Amino acid sequence: MPWPEPLVITCIGFSVLGILCIAFLFQHPDPPVTAIENLFELEANTPVTVDATIATIRYRFHGTTLEIEDQNHVISATSFEILDVNIGQRVRITGKINKTGEQPKIEIKTVVPRD
């Protein structure tokens, strides 16, 4: 005996709803934006996202070092690829702290220009 059509539609609907719920649970939201002054207090390997202004760009043999500033704080962010950013540009940097203390450094994962 074939299944009644409303029951098939209901089963398909619940299956799709279940898949959407699982996908929602496993999505990775953007990490919260951290103020630069808070970077001085974070432990090494802490994931961070920072909105900042590019102060200087220095190219080294193995990559690029950015100095970013916000208010009175200046910190370094290191990357292993050339970044398409300019001095004075507002950026959002996502990465992790790889040095703590007076001069924390961020190991960059992404840099996104901001308005």
C-alpha atoms as a PDB file:
ATOM      1  CA  MET A   1       0.000   0.000   0.000  1.00  0.00           C
ATOM      2  CA  PRO A   2       1.513   3.405  -0.974  1.00  0.00           C
ATOM      3  CA  TRP A   3       2.049   6.043   1.697  1.00  0.00           C
ATOM      4  CA  PRO A   4      -0.576   8.723   1.935  1.00  0.00           C
ATOM      5  CA  GLU A   5       0.648  11.908   0.275  1.00  0.00           C
ATOM      6  CA  PRO A   6       0.244  14.233   3.330  1.00  0.00           C
ATOM      7  CA  LEU A   7       2.426  11.891   5.412  1.00  0.00           C
ATOM      8  CA  VAL A   8       5.198  11.914   2.761  1.00  0.00           C
ATOM      9  CA  ILE A   9       5.122  15.712   2.564  1.00  0.00           C
ATOM     10  CA  THR A  10       5.232  15.963   6.372  1.00  0.00           C
ATOM     11  CA  CYS A  11       8.234  13.586   6.582  1.00  0.00           C
ATOM     12  CA  ILE A  12      10.117  15.534   3.918  1.00  0.00           C
ATOM     13  CA  GLY A  13       9.299  18.799   5.683  1.00  0.00           C
ATOM     14  CA  PHE A  14      10.608  17.550   9.030  1.00  0.00           C
ATOM     15  CA  SER A  15      13.756  16.182   7.352  1.00  0.00           C
ATOM     16  CA  VAL A  16      14.509  19.552   5.762  1.00  0.00           C
ATOM     17  CA  LEU A  17      13.779  21.333   9.041  1.00  0.00           C
ATOM     18  CA  GLY A  18      16.135  18.963  10.889  1.00  0.00           C
ATOM     19  CA  ILE A  19      18.936  19.576   8.378  1.00  0.00           C
ATOM     20  CA  LEU A  20      18.487  23.340   8.707  1.00  0.00           C
ATOM     21  CA  CYS A  21      18.595  23.112  12.516  1.00  0.00           C
ATOM     22  CA  ILE A  22      21.819  21.082  12.425  1.00  0.00           C
ATOM     23  CA  ALA A  23      23.393  23.535   9.962  1.00  0.00           C
ATOM     24  CA  PHE A  24      22.401  26.437  12.222  1.00  0.00           C
ATOM     25  CA  LEU A  25      24.007  24.787  15.246  1.00  0.00           C
ATOM     26  CA  PHE A  26      27.331  24.232  13.464  1.00  0.00           C
ATOM     27  CA  GLN A  27      27.731  27.623  11.825  1.00  0.00           C
ATOM     28  CA  HIS A  28      30.689  29.697  12.997  1.00  0.00           C
ATOM     29  CA  PRO A  29      29.698  33.263  13.860  1.00  0.00           C
ATOM     30  CA  ASP A  30      32.161  36.109  13.450  1.00  0.00           C
ATOM     31  CA  PRO A  31      34.330  36.468  16.518  1.00  0.00           C
ATOM     32  CA  PRO A  32      33.627  39.556  18.627  1.00  0.00           C
ATOM     33  CA  VAL A  33      35.737  42.643  17.915  1.00  0.00           C
ATOM     34  CA  THR A  34      38.354  43.240  20.608  1.00  0.00           C
ATOM     35  CA  ALA A  35      39.589  46.697  21.560  1.00  0.00           C
ATOM     36  CA  ILE A  36      43.328  47.135  21.133  1.00  0.00           C
ATOM     37  CA  GLU A  37      43.830  48.026  24.785  1.00  0.00           C
ATOM     38  CA  ASN A  38      42.397  44.610  25.701  1.00  0.00           C
ATOM     39  CA  LEU A  39      45.054  42.859  23.592  1.00  0.00           C
ATOM     40  CA  PHE A  40      47.634  43.706  26.239  1.00  0.00           C
ATOM     41  CA  GLU A  41      45.752  41.507  28.719  1.00  0.00           C
ATOM     42  CA  LEU A  42      45.072  38.454  26.531  1.00  0.00           C
ATOM     43  CA  GLU A  43      46.934  35.165  26.698  1.00  0.00           C
ATOM     44  CA  ALA A  44      48.964  33.827  23.771  1.00  0.00           C
ATOM     45  CA  ASN A  45      47.000  31.831  21.164  1.00  0.00           C
ATOM     46  CA  THR A  46      43.798  33.733  21.960  1.00  0.00           C
ATOM     47  CA  PRO A  47      41.719  34.230  18.772  1.00  0.00           C
ATOM     48  CA  VAL A  48      41.034  37.936  18.199  1.00  0.00           C
ATOM     49  CA  THR A  49      39.316  40.294  15.786  1.00  0.00           C
ATOM     50  CA  VAL A  50      40.375  43.945  15.885  1.00  0.00           C
ATOM     51  CA  ASP A  51      39.227  47.078  14.075  1.00  0.00           C
ATOM     52  CA  ALA A  52      42.214  49.375  13.714  1.00  0.00           C
ATOM     53  CA  THR A  53      44.052  51.888  11.525  1.00  0.00           C
ATOM     54  CA  ILE A  54      47.192  50.908   9.645  1.00  0.00           C
ATOM     55  CA  ALA A  55      50.053  53.034  11.008  1.00  0.00           C
ATOM     56  CA  THR A  56      53.044  51.542   9.158  1.00  0.00           C
ATOM     57  CA  ILE A  57      53.662  48.707   6.736  1.00  0.00           C
ATOM     58  CA  ARG A  58      57.067  47.044   6.720  1.00  0.00           C
ATOM     59  CA  TYR A  59      57.985  44.349   4.249  1.00  0.00           C
ATOM     60  CA  ARG A  60      60.410  41.703   5.410  1.00  0.00           C
ATOM     61  CA  PHE A  61      62.007  38.839   3.534  1.00  0.00           C
ATOM     62  CA  HIS A  62      59.499  36.308   4.879  1.00  0.00           C
ATOM     63  CA  GLY A  63      56.383  38.483   4.923  1.00  0.00           C
ATOM     64  CA  THR A  64      54.786  41.712   6.057  1.00  0.00           C
ATOM     65  CA  THR A  65      54.609  43.432   9.424  1.00  0.00           C
ATOM     66  CA  LEU A  66      51.815  45.913  10.020  1.00  0.00           C
ATOM     67  CA  GLU A  67      51.744  48.341  12.899  1.00  0.00           C
ATOM     68  CA  ILE A  68      48.164  49.120  13.747  1.00  0.00           C
ATOM     69  CA  GLU A  69      46.984  51.795  16.112  1.00  0.00           C
ATOM     70  CA  ASP A  70      43.830  52.815  17.860  1.00  0.00           C
ATOM     71  CA  GLN A  71      43.825  55.802  20.218  1.00  0.00           C
ATOM     72  CA  ASN A  72      47.120  55.672  22.139  1.00  0.00           C
ATOM     73  CA  HIS A  73      48.033  52.042  21.524  1.00  0.00           C
ATOM     74  CA  VAL A  74      50.224  50.702  18.725  1.00  0.00           C
ATOM     75  CA  ILE A  75      50.725  46.983  18.220  1.00  0.00           C
ATOM     76  CA  SER A  76      52.304  44.804  15.549  1.00  0.00           C
ATOM     77  CA  ALA A  77      50.519  42.308  13.370  1.00  0.00           C
ATOM     78  CA  THR A  78      52.511  39.851  11.302  1.00  0.00           C
ATOM     79  CA  SER A  79      51.540  38.115   8.115  1.00  0.00           C
ATOM     80  CA  PHE A  80      53.252  35.800   5.687  1.00  0.00           C
ATOM     81  CA  GLU A  81      51.800  37.307   2.545  1.00  0.00           C
ATOM     82  CA  ILE A  82      51.712  40.742   0.964  1.00  0.00           C
ATOM     83  CA  LEU A  83      48.515  42.519   1.966  1.00  0.00           C
ATOM     84  CA  ASP A  84      46.665  45.019  -0.194  1.00  0.00           C
ATOM     85  CA  VAL A  85      46.246  47.711   2.462  1.00  0.00           C
ATOM     86  CA  ASN A  86      47.465  51.286   2.791  1.00  0.00           C
ATOM     87  CA  ILE A  87      48.694  53.465   5.633  1.00  0.00           C
ATOM     88  CA  GLY A  88      45.794  55.249   7.316  1.00  0.00           C
ATOM     89  CA  GLN A  89      43.272  52.668   6.116  1.00  0.00           C
ATOM     90  CA  ARG A  90      40.737  51.259   8.585  1.00  0.00           C
ATOM     91  CA  VAL A  91      40.871  47.474   8.637  1.00  0.00           C
ATOM     92  CA  ARG A  92      39.433  44.528  10.510  1.00  0.00           C
ATOM     93  CA  ILE A  93      42.137  42.018  11.395  1.00  0.00           C
ATOM     94  CA  THR A  94      41.322  38.474  12.447  1.00  0.00           C
ATOM     95  CA  GLY A  95      44.013  36.277  13.926  1.00  0.00           C
ATOM     96  CA  LYS A  96      45.511  35.126  17.193  1.00  0.00           C
ATOM     97  CA  ILE A  97      47.789  36.647  19.795  1.00  0.00           C
ATOM     98  CA  ASN A  98      51.297  35.200  19.505  1.00  0.00           C
ATOM     99  CA  LYS A  99      53.065  37.489  21.991  1.00  0.00           C
ATOM    100  CA  THR A 100      51.697  39.042  25.148  1.00  0.00           C
ATOM    101  CA  GLY A 101      52.928  41.829  27.365  1.00  0.00           C
ATOM    102  CA  GLU A 102      53.909  45.388  26.458  1.00  0.00           C
ATOM    103  CA  GLN A 103      54.086  44.738  22.716  1.00  0.00           C
ATOM    104  CA  PRO A 104      51.517  42.083  21.788  1.00  0.00           C
ATOM    105  CA  LYS A 105      51.597  40.746  18.228  1.00  0.00           C
ATOM    106  CA  ILE A 106      48.754  39.328  16.183  1.00  0.00           C
ATOM    107  CA  GLU A 107      49.380  36.502  13.766  1.00  0.00           C
ATOM    108  CA  ILE A 108      47.049  37.437  10.931  1.00  0.00           C
ATOM    109  CA  LYS A 109      44.490  35.158   9.342  1.00  0.00           C
ATOM    110  CA  THR A 110      42.547  37.799   7.417  1.00  0.00           C
ATOM    111  CA  VAL A 111      42.564  41.552   6.871  1.00  0.00           C
ATOM    112  CA  VAL A 112      39.364  43.123   5.582  1.00  0.00           C
ATOM    113  CA  PRO A 113      39.292  46.838   4.626  1.00  0.00           C
ATOM    114  CA  ARG A 114      36.660  48.795   6.559  1.00  0.00           C
ATOM    115  CA  ASP A 115      34.927  52.058   5.711  1.00  0.00           C
END
